[in-house]
Amino acid sequence: MSTDLPDGYEISADPDRLDPAVIHEWLSKDAYWAMGRSREKQDAAIANSLNFGVYDSSTGAQLGYARVVTDQATFAWLCDVYVARNGRGKGLGHALVNAVCEHLEPYGLRRVLLVTADAHAIYAKSGFAALEKPEKWMTRGAQ
């Protein structure tokens, strides 16, 4: 799925390969944006999104995850991007984001949005940039 993926790893959008228990463990305990998220809430998010997993080719173990909320026509929100601690430093996060973007390209989306507090450089390598006119954007709910 992604040409910049290191040897020995694979990325898949097959929902049957996801390990929801592992994803919940990662996000609810180690991801600042999802701390404390219930398993029920995470399972609902997975069920209603386009999901991607990074896997060790030899063992099949899941090492990363990304979720996209999209109408597959005009807009997508890339969220819950996570690489397990034992998979970090190998370029898996960058490859995962690129694979997601490649997967979304045929939809001809006008905009793919994401929010990050600390990974701007990783996303910039994949073509993401700060909002040109943030004063146009509004939010409702937690910030």
N, C-alpha and C. Protein backbone atom coordinates (compact mmCIF):
# COMPACT_ATOMS: atom_id res chain seq x y z
N MET A 1 0.82 -1.20 0.00
CA MET A 1 0.00 0.00 0.00
C MET A 1 0.86 1.25 0.00
N SER A 2 1.97 1.28 0.68
CA SER A 2 2.82 2.48 0.71
C SER A 2 4.22 2.11 0.25
N THR A 3 4.75 2.90 -0.69
CA THR A 3 6.05 2.58 -1.26
C THR A 3 7.21 2.90 -0.32
N ASP A 4 6.99 3.73 0.69
CA ASP A 4 8.08 4.08 1.61
C ASP A 4 8.06 3.25 2.89
N LEU A 5 7.33 2.16 2.89
CA LEU A 5 7.23 1.29 4.05
C LEU A 5 8.50 0.44 4.16
N PRO A 6 9.12 0.41 5.34
CA PRO A 6 10.33 -0.42 5.50
C PRO A 6 10.02 -1.90 5.27
N ASP A 7 11.03 -2.65 4.82
CA ASP A 7 10.88 -4.09 4.62
C ASP A 7 10.45 -4.75 5.92
N GLY A 8 9.61 -5.75 5.81
CA GLY A 8 9.18 -6.50 6.98
C GLY A 8 7.88 -6.00 7.59
N TYR A 9 7.27 -4.99 6.97
CA TYR A 9 6.04 -4.42 7.49
C TYR A 9 5.04 -4.27 6.36
N GLU A 10 3.77 -4.24 6.72
CA GLU A 10 2.73 -4.02 5.72
C GLU A 10 1.63 -3.16 6.32
N ILE A 11 0.92 -2.45 5.44
CA ILE A 11 -0.20 -1.61 5.85
C ILE A 11 -1.43 -2.13 5.14
N SER A 12 -2.53 -2.20 5.88
CA SER A 12 -3.77 -2.73 5.32
C SER A 12 -4.95 -1.90 5.80
N ALA A 13 -5.95 -1.77 4.93
CA ALA A 13 -7.22 -1.13 5.29
C ALA A 13 -8.29 -2.19 5.54
N ASP A 14 -7.90 -3.44 5.66
CA ASP A 14 -8.83 -4.53 5.92
C ASP A 14 -9.28 -4.47 7.37
N PRO A 15 -10.56 -4.17 7.64
CA PRO A 15 -11.03 -4.05 9.02
C PRO A 15 -10.94 -5.35 9.80
N ASP A 16 -10.94 -6.48 9.12
CA ASP A 16 -10.86 -7.78 9.80
C ASP A 16 -9.49 -8.04 10.42
N ARG A 17 -8.48 -7.30 9.98
CA ARG A 17 -7.13 -7.49 10.53
C ARG A 17 -6.89 -6.67 11.80
N LEU A 18 -7.74 -5.69 12.06
CA LEU A 18 -7.54 -4.83 13.22
C LEU A 18 -7.66 -5.62 14.52
N ASP A 19 -6.91 -5.19 15.51
CA ASP A 19 -7.01 -5.75 16.86
C ASP A 19 -7.60 -4.66 17.76
N PRO A 20 -8.93 -4.59 17.87
CA PRO A 20 -9.57 -3.52 18.63
C PRO A 20 -9.11 -3.42 20.08
N ALA A 21 -8.80 -4.55 20.71
CA ALA A 21 -8.33 -4.52 22.10
C ALA A 21 -6.98 -3.82 22.20
N VAL A 22 -6.09 -4.11 21.28
CA VAL A 22 -4.77 -3.47 21.27
C VAL A 22 -4.91 -1.99 20.96
N ILE A 23 -5.73 -1.65 19.99
CA ILE A 23 -5.95 -0.24 19.63
C ILE A 23 -6.47 0.52 20.84
N HIS A 24 -7.44 -0.04 21.52
CA HIS A 24 -7.98 0.63 22.70
C HIS A 24 -6.91 0.80 23.78
N GLU A 25 -6.13 -0.22 24.01
CA GLU A 25 -5.05 -0.15 25.00
C GLU A 25 -4.08 0.99 24.67
N TRP A 26 -3.64 1.05 23.42
CA TRP A 26 -2.72 2.10 22.99
C TRP A 26 -3.32 3.48 23.23
N LEU A 27 -4.50 3.70 22.64
CA LEU A 27 -5.06 5.04 22.63
C LEU A 27 -5.53 5.50 24.01
N SER A 28 -6.17 4.63 24.76
CA SER A 28 -6.73 5.05 26.04
C SER A 28 -5.68 5.24 27.12
N LYS A 29 -4.50 4.65 26.92
CA LYS A 29 -3.47 4.73 27.97
C LYS A 29 -2.21 5.47 27.55
N ASP A 30 -2.02 5.69 26.23
CA ASP A 30 -0.74 6.27 25.80
C ASP A 30 -0.89 7.42 24.80
N ALA A 31 -2.10 7.75 24.41
CA ALA A 31 -2.31 8.82 23.44
C ALA A 31 -3.01 9.98 24.13
N TYR A 32 -2.33 11.12 24.24
CA TYR A 32 -2.88 12.25 25.01
C TYR A 32 -4.28 12.64 24.57
N TRP A 33 -4.59 12.50 23.29
CA TRP A 33 -5.88 12.93 22.78
C TRP A 33 -7.01 11.94 23.08
N ALA A 34 -6.67 10.73 23.50
CA ALA A 34 -7.70 9.71 23.71
C ALA A 34 -7.63 9.08 25.09
N MET A 35 -6.86 9.68 25.99
CA MET A 35 -6.71 9.13 27.35
C MET A 35 -8.08 8.90 27.97
N GLY A 36 -8.27 7.70 28.47
CA GLY A 36 -9.51 7.40 29.17
C GLY A 36 -10.68 7.06 28.27
N ARG A 37 -10.49 7.07 26.96
CA ARG A 37 -11.59 6.74 26.04
C ARG A 37 -12.05 5.32 26.35
N SER A 38 -13.34 5.12 26.47
CA SER A 38 -13.87 3.79 26.79
C SER A 38 -13.72 2.85 25.61
N ARG A 39 -13.69 1.58 25.89
CA ARG A 39 -13.62 0.56 24.83
C ARG A 39 -14.86 0.66 23.95
N GLU A 40 -16.01 0.88 24.56
CA GLU A 40 -17.24 1.01 23.79
C GLU A 40 -17.16 2.17 22.80
N LYS A 41 -16.65 3.30 23.27
CA LYS A 41 -16.52 4.49 22.41
C LYS A 41 -15.50 4.22 21.29
N GLN A 42 -14.38 3.56 21.63
CA GLN A 42 -13.37 3.25 20.62
C GLN A 42 -13.91 2.27 19.58
N ASP A 43 -14.62 1.26 20.02
CA ASP A 43 -15.18 0.29 19.07
C ASP A 43 -16.18 0.96 18.13
N ALA A 44 -16.97 1.91 18.64
CA ALA A 44 -17.91 2.65 17.79
C ALA A 44 -17.15 3.51 16.78
N ALA A 45 -16.06 4.12 17.22
CA ALA A 45 -15.25 4.94 16.31
C ALA A 45 -14.67 4.08 15.19
N ILE A 46 -14.17 2.91 15.54
CA ILE A 46 -13.63 2.00 14.53
C ILE A 46 -14.73 1.58 13.55
N ALA A 47 -15.88 1.21 14.09
CA ALA A 47 -16.98 0.71 13.25
C ALA A 47 -17.48 1.76 12.25
N ASN A 48 -17.35 3.02 12.58
CA ASN A 48 -17.90 4.09 11.74
C ASN A 48 -16.84 4.88 10.99
N SER A 49 -15.66 4.31 10.84
CA SER A 49 -14.55 5.00 10.19
C SER A 49 -13.86 4.09 9.19
N LEU A 50 -13.01 4.70 8.38
CA LEU A 50 -12.09 3.99 7.51
C LEU A 50 -10.82 3.79 8.33
N ASN A 51 -10.36 2.55 8.49
CA ASN A 51 -9.26 2.24 9.40
C ASN A 51 -8.08 1.63 8.66
N PHE A 52 -6.89 1.89 9.21
CA PHE A 52 -5.65 1.37 8.64
C PHE A 52 -4.80 0.78 9.76
N GLY A 53 -4.18 -0.33 9.48
CA GLY A 53 -3.27 -0.94 10.44
C GLY A 53 -1.90 -1.14 9.83
N VAL A 54 -0.88 -1.05 10.68
CA VAL A 54 0.49 -1.40 10.29
C VAL A 54 0.79 -2.72 10.98
N TYR A 55 1.35 -3.67 10.22
CA TYR A 55 1.57 -5.01 10.74
C TYR A 55 2.99 -5.49 10.47
N ASP A 56 3.50 -6.28 11.39
CA ASP A 56 4.77 -6.98 11.20
C ASP A 56 4.48 -8.12 10.22
N SER A 57 5.17 -8.16 9.09
CA SER A 57 4.88 -9.15 8.06
C SER A 57 5.14 -10.57 8.52
N SER A 58 6.11 -10.77 9.40
CA SER A 58 6.45 -12.13 9.80
C SER A 58 5.53 -12.68 10.89
N THR A 59 5.05 -11.82 11.78
CA THR A 59 4.21 -12.31 12.89
C THR A 59 2.74 -11.93 12.74
N GLY A 60 2.46 -10.93 11.93
CA GLY A 60 1.09 -10.44 11.79
C GLY A 60 0.67 -9.50 12.90
N ALA A 61 1.57 -9.25 13.86
CA ALA A 61 1.24 -8.37 14.99
C ALA A 61 1.00 -6.94 14.51
N GLN A 62 -0.04 -6.33 15.06
CA GLN A 62 -0.34 -4.95 14.72
C GLN A 62 0.60 -4.02 15.47
N LEU A 63 1.21 -3.07 14.75
CA LEU A 63 2.16 -2.13 15.33
C LEU A 63 1.73 -0.68 15.19
N GLY A 64 0.67 -0.43 14.44
CA GLY A 64 0.22 0.94 14.25
C GLY A 64 -1.22 0.99 13.80
N TYR A 65 -1.77 2.19 13.87
CA TYR A 65 -3.18 2.38 13.57
C TYR A 65 -3.42 3.82 13.13
N ALA A 66 -4.35 4.00 12.22
CA ALA A 66 -4.85 5.33 11.85
C ALA A 66 -6.31 5.17 11.46
N ARG A 67 -7.06 6.22 11.72
CA ARG A 67 -8.50 6.22 11.46
C ARG A 67 -8.84 7.47 10.65
N VAL A 68 -9.77 7.32 9.71
CA VAL A 68 -10.22 8.44 8.89
C VAL A 68 -11.74 8.52 8.95
N VAL A 69 -12.23 9.69 9.30
CA VAL A 69 -13.66 9.99 9.24
C VAL A 69 -13.86 10.74 7.93
N THR A 70 -14.70 10.19 7.04
CA THR A 70 -14.84 10.80 5.72
C THR A 70 -16.19 10.50 5.08
N ASP A 71 -16.59 11.40 4.18
CA ASP A 71 -17.76 11.14 3.35
C ASP A 71 -17.33 10.53 2.01
N GLN A 72 -16.05 10.37 1.80
CA GLN A 72 -15.43 9.81 0.60
C GLN A 72 -15.78 10.59 -0.66
N ALA A 73 -16.12 11.87 -0.47
CA ALA A 73 -16.46 12.71 -1.62
C ALA A 73 -15.82 14.09 -1.53
N THR A 74 -15.88 14.71 -0.34
CA THR A 74 -15.39 16.09 -0.23
C THR A 74 -14.43 16.33 0.92
N PHE A 75 -14.49 15.51 1.97
CA PHE A 75 -13.76 15.84 3.20
C PHE A 75 -13.33 14.59 3.94
N ALA A 76 -12.19 14.69 4.62
CA ALA A 76 -11.74 13.62 5.51
C ALA A 76 -11.00 14.23 6.69
N TRP A 77 -11.11 13.57 7.81
CA TRP A 77 -10.38 13.93 9.03
C TRP A 77 -9.52 12.74 9.41
N LEU A 78 -8.22 12.91 9.35
CA LEU A 78 -7.27 11.89 9.76
C LEU A 78 -7.07 12.01 11.26
N CYS A 79 -7.29 10.91 11.99
CA CYS A 79 -7.19 10.97 13.45
C CYS A 79 -6.70 9.63 14.01
N ASP A 80 -6.43 9.63 15.29
CA ASP A 80 -5.99 8.44 16.02
C ASP A 80 -4.78 7.76 15.39
N VAL A 81 -3.87 8.55 14.84
CA VAL A 81 -2.64 7.98 14.27
C VAL A 81 -1.72 7.60 15.43
N TYR A 82 -1.34 6.33 15.46
CA TYR A 82 -0.54 5.83 16.58
C TYR A 82 0.37 4.71 16.10
N VAL A 83 1.62 4.74 16.56
CA VAL A 83 2.57 3.66 16.34
C VAL A 83 3.01 3.16 17.71
N ALA A 84 2.94 1.85 17.91
CA ALA A 84 3.33 1.25 19.18
C ALA A 84 4.78 1.59 19.50
N ARG A 85 5.08 1.68 20.75
CA ARG A 85 6.43 2.05 21.19
C ARG A 85 7.51 1.17 20.57
N ASN A 86 7.23 -0.13 20.44
CA ASN A 86 8.24 -1.03 19.87
C ASN A 86 8.34 -0.93 18.35
N GLY A 87 7.51 -0.09 17.72
CA GLY A 87 7.57 0.12 16.29
C GLY A 87 8.07 1.50 15.90
N ARG A 88 8.35 2.32 16.88
CA ARG A 88 8.76 3.71 16.61
C ARG A 88 10.22 3.78 16.15
N GLY A 89 10.51 4.86 15.42
CA GLY A 89 11.87 5.09 14.94
C GLY A 89 12.22 4.30 13.69
N LYS A 90 11.24 3.71 13.06
CA LYS A 90 11.46 2.89 11.87
C LYS A 90 10.80 3.48 10.62
N GLY A 91 10.19 4.63 10.76
CA GLY A 91 9.50 5.25 9.64
C GLY A 91 8.10 4.75 9.42
N LEU A 92 7.56 4.00 10.38
CA LEU A 92 6.22 3.43 10.22
C LEU A 92 5.13 4.50 10.24
N GLY A 93 5.28 5.50 11.10
CA GLY A 93 4.28 6.57 11.18
C GLY A 93 4.19 7.34 9.88
N HIS A 94 5.34 7.69 9.33
CA HIS A 94 5.38 8.42 8.07
C HIS A 94 4.77 7.57 6.95
N ALA A 95 5.14 6.30 6.90
CA ALA A 95 4.62 5.41 5.87
C ALA A 95 3.10 5.24 6.03
N LEU A 96 2.63 5.17 7.27
CA LEU A 96 1.20 5.02 7.52
C LEU A 96 0.43 6.24 7.02
N VAL A 97 0.90 7.43 7.35
CA VAL A 97 0.23 8.65 6.89
C VAL A 97 0.24 8.73 5.37
N ASN A 98 1.36 8.39 4.75
CA ASN A 98 1.42 8.40 3.28
C ASN A 98 0.45 7.38 2.68
N ALA A 99 0.36 6.20 3.28
CA ALA A 99 -0.56 5.17 2.77
C ALA A 99 -2.00 5.65 2.87
N VAL A 100 -2.35 6.29 3.97
CA VAL A 100 -3.70 6.84 4.12
C VAL A 100 -3.97 7.87 3.03
N CYS A 101 -3.03 8.77 2.83
CA CYS A 101 -3.21 9.81 1.80
C CYS A 101 -3.34 9.19 0.40
N GLU A 102 -2.52 8.18 0.11
CA GLU A 102 -2.62 7.50 -1.18
C GLU A 102 -3.98 6.83 -1.34
N HIS A 103 -4.47 6.23 -0.29
CA HIS A 103 -5.78 5.57 -0.32
C HIS A 103 -6.90 6.58 -0.59
N LEU A 104 -6.78 7.78 -0.05
CA LEU A 104 -7.81 8.80 -0.19
C LEU A 104 -7.77 9.53 -1.54
N GLU A 105 -6.63 9.50 -2.22
CA GLU A 105 -6.47 10.26 -3.47
C GLU A 105 -7.57 10.03 -4.50
N PRO A 106 -7.98 8.78 -4.76
CA PRO A 106 -9.01 8.57 -5.79
C PRO A 106 -10.36 9.22 -5.48
N TYR A 107 -10.61 9.55 -4.25
CA TYR A 107 -11.88 10.18 -3.88
C TYR A 107 -11.95 11.64 -4.36
N GLY A 108 -10.81 12.25 -4.64
CA GLY A 108 -10.80 13.64 -5.07
C GLY A 108 -11.28 14.60 -3.99
N LEU A 109 -10.90 14.33 -2.76
CA LEU A 109 -11.34 15.16 -1.62
C LEU A 109 -10.80 16.58 -1.74
N ARG A 110 -11.61 17.52 -1.34
CA ARG A 110 -11.17 18.91 -1.34
C ARG A 110 -10.19 19.17 -0.20
N ARG A 111 -10.39 18.47 0.92
CA ARG A 111 -9.57 18.76 2.10
C ARG A 111 -9.45 17.52 2.99
N VAL A 112 -8.25 17.29 3.49
CA VAL A 112 -8.01 16.30 4.54
C VAL A 112 -7.44 17.07 5.72
N LEU A 113 -8.12 16.96 6.83
CA LEU A 113 -7.77 17.72 8.03
C LEU A 113 -7.20 16.80 9.09
N LEU A 114 -6.35 17.33 9.93
CA LEU A 114 -5.89 16.62 11.11
C LEU A 114 -5.56 17.64 12.18
N VAL A 115 -5.48 17.16 13.41
CA VAL A 115 -5.11 17.99 14.54
C VAL A 115 -3.98 17.29 15.27
N THR A 116 -2.92 18.02 15.59
CA THR A 116 -1.81 17.45 16.33
C THR A 116 -1.20 18.49 17.24
N ALA A 117 -0.75 18.05 18.39
CA ALA A 117 -0.09 18.96 19.32
C ALA A 117 1.43 18.89 19.18
N ASP A 118 1.93 17.78 18.61
CA ASP A 118 3.38 17.60 18.68
C ASP A 118 4.03 16.88 17.49
N ALA A 119 3.29 16.58 16.45
CA ALA A 119 3.88 15.81 15.34
C ALA A 119 3.81 16.56 14.01
N HIS A 120 3.90 17.86 14.07
CA HIS A 120 3.80 18.68 12.86
C HIS A 120 4.83 18.28 11.80
N ALA A 121 6.05 18.02 12.21
CA ALA A 121 7.12 17.68 11.26
C ALA A 121 6.82 16.38 10.52
N ILE A 122 6.27 15.40 11.22
CA ILE A 122 5.93 14.12 10.58
C ILE A 122 4.87 14.35 9.50
N TYR A 123 3.83 15.09 9.84
CA TYR A 123 2.75 15.32 8.89
C TYR A 123 3.17 16.25 7.75
N ALA A 124 4.05 17.18 8.01
CA ALA A 124 4.53 18.08 6.96
C ALA A 124 5.23 17.29 5.85
N LYS A 125 5.93 16.22 6.20
CA LYS A 125 6.60 15.38 5.21
C LYS A 125 5.59 14.74 4.25
N SER A 126 4.35 14.65 4.68
CA SER A 126 3.30 14.05 3.86
C SER A 126 2.40 15.10 3.20
N GLY A 127 2.82 16.36 3.26
CA GLY A 127 2.10 17.42 2.56
C GLY A 127 1.12 18.23 3.39
N PHE A 128 1.01 17.94 4.67
CA PHE A 128 0.11 18.72 5.53
C PHE A 128 0.78 20.04 5.91
N ALA A 129 -0.03 21.07 6.09
CA ALA A 129 0.47 22.39 6.46
C ALA A 129 -0.53 23.04 7.41
N ALA A 130 -0.07 24.06 8.10
CA ALA A 130 -0.96 24.82 8.99
C ALA A 130 -2.06 25.47 8.15
N LEU A 131 -3.20 25.71 8.78
CA LEU A 131 -4.30 26.37 8.08
C LEU A 131 -3.87 27.75 7.61
N GLU A 132 -4.19 28.07 6.36
CA GLU A 132 -3.86 29.39 5.83
C GLU A 132 -4.69 30.48 6.49
N LYS A 133 -5.94 30.21 6.74
CA LYS A 133 -6.83 31.20 7.33
C LYS A 133 -7.57 30.56 8.51
N PRO A 134 -6.88 30.36 9.62
CA PRO A 134 -7.54 29.71 10.76
C PRO A 134 -8.74 30.48 11.28
N GLU A 135 -8.81 31.78 10.99
CA GLU A 135 -9.94 32.57 11.47
C GLU A 135 -11.26 32.15 10.81
N LYS A 136 -11.19 31.38 9.72
CA LYS A 136 -12.39 30.89 9.07
C LYS A 136 -12.96 29.65 9.77
N TRP A 137 -12.11 28.96 10.53
CA TRP A 137 -12.51 27.69 11.13
C TRP A 137 -13.13 27.91 12.50
N MET A 138 -14.09 27.07 12.81
CA MET A 138 -14.73 27.12 14.12
C MET A 138 -14.85 25.69 14.64
N THR A 139 -15.04 25.56 15.91
CA THR A 139 -15.21 24.26 16.52
C THR A 139 -16.31 24.33 17.56
N ARG A 140 -16.93 23.21 17.79
CA ARG A 140 -17.92 23.10 18.84
C ARG A 140 -17.53 21.92 19.70
N GLY A 141 -17.37 22.16 20.98
CA GLY A 141 -16.95 21.08 21.88
C GLY A 141 -15.57 21.32 22.42
N ALA A 142 -15.01 20.28 22.97
CA ALA A 142 -13.70 20.38 23.62
C ALA A 142 -12.62 20.82 22.66
N GLN A 143 -11.70 21.61 23.19
CA GLN A 143 -10.55 22.03 22.40
C GLN A 143 -9.34 21.54 23.06
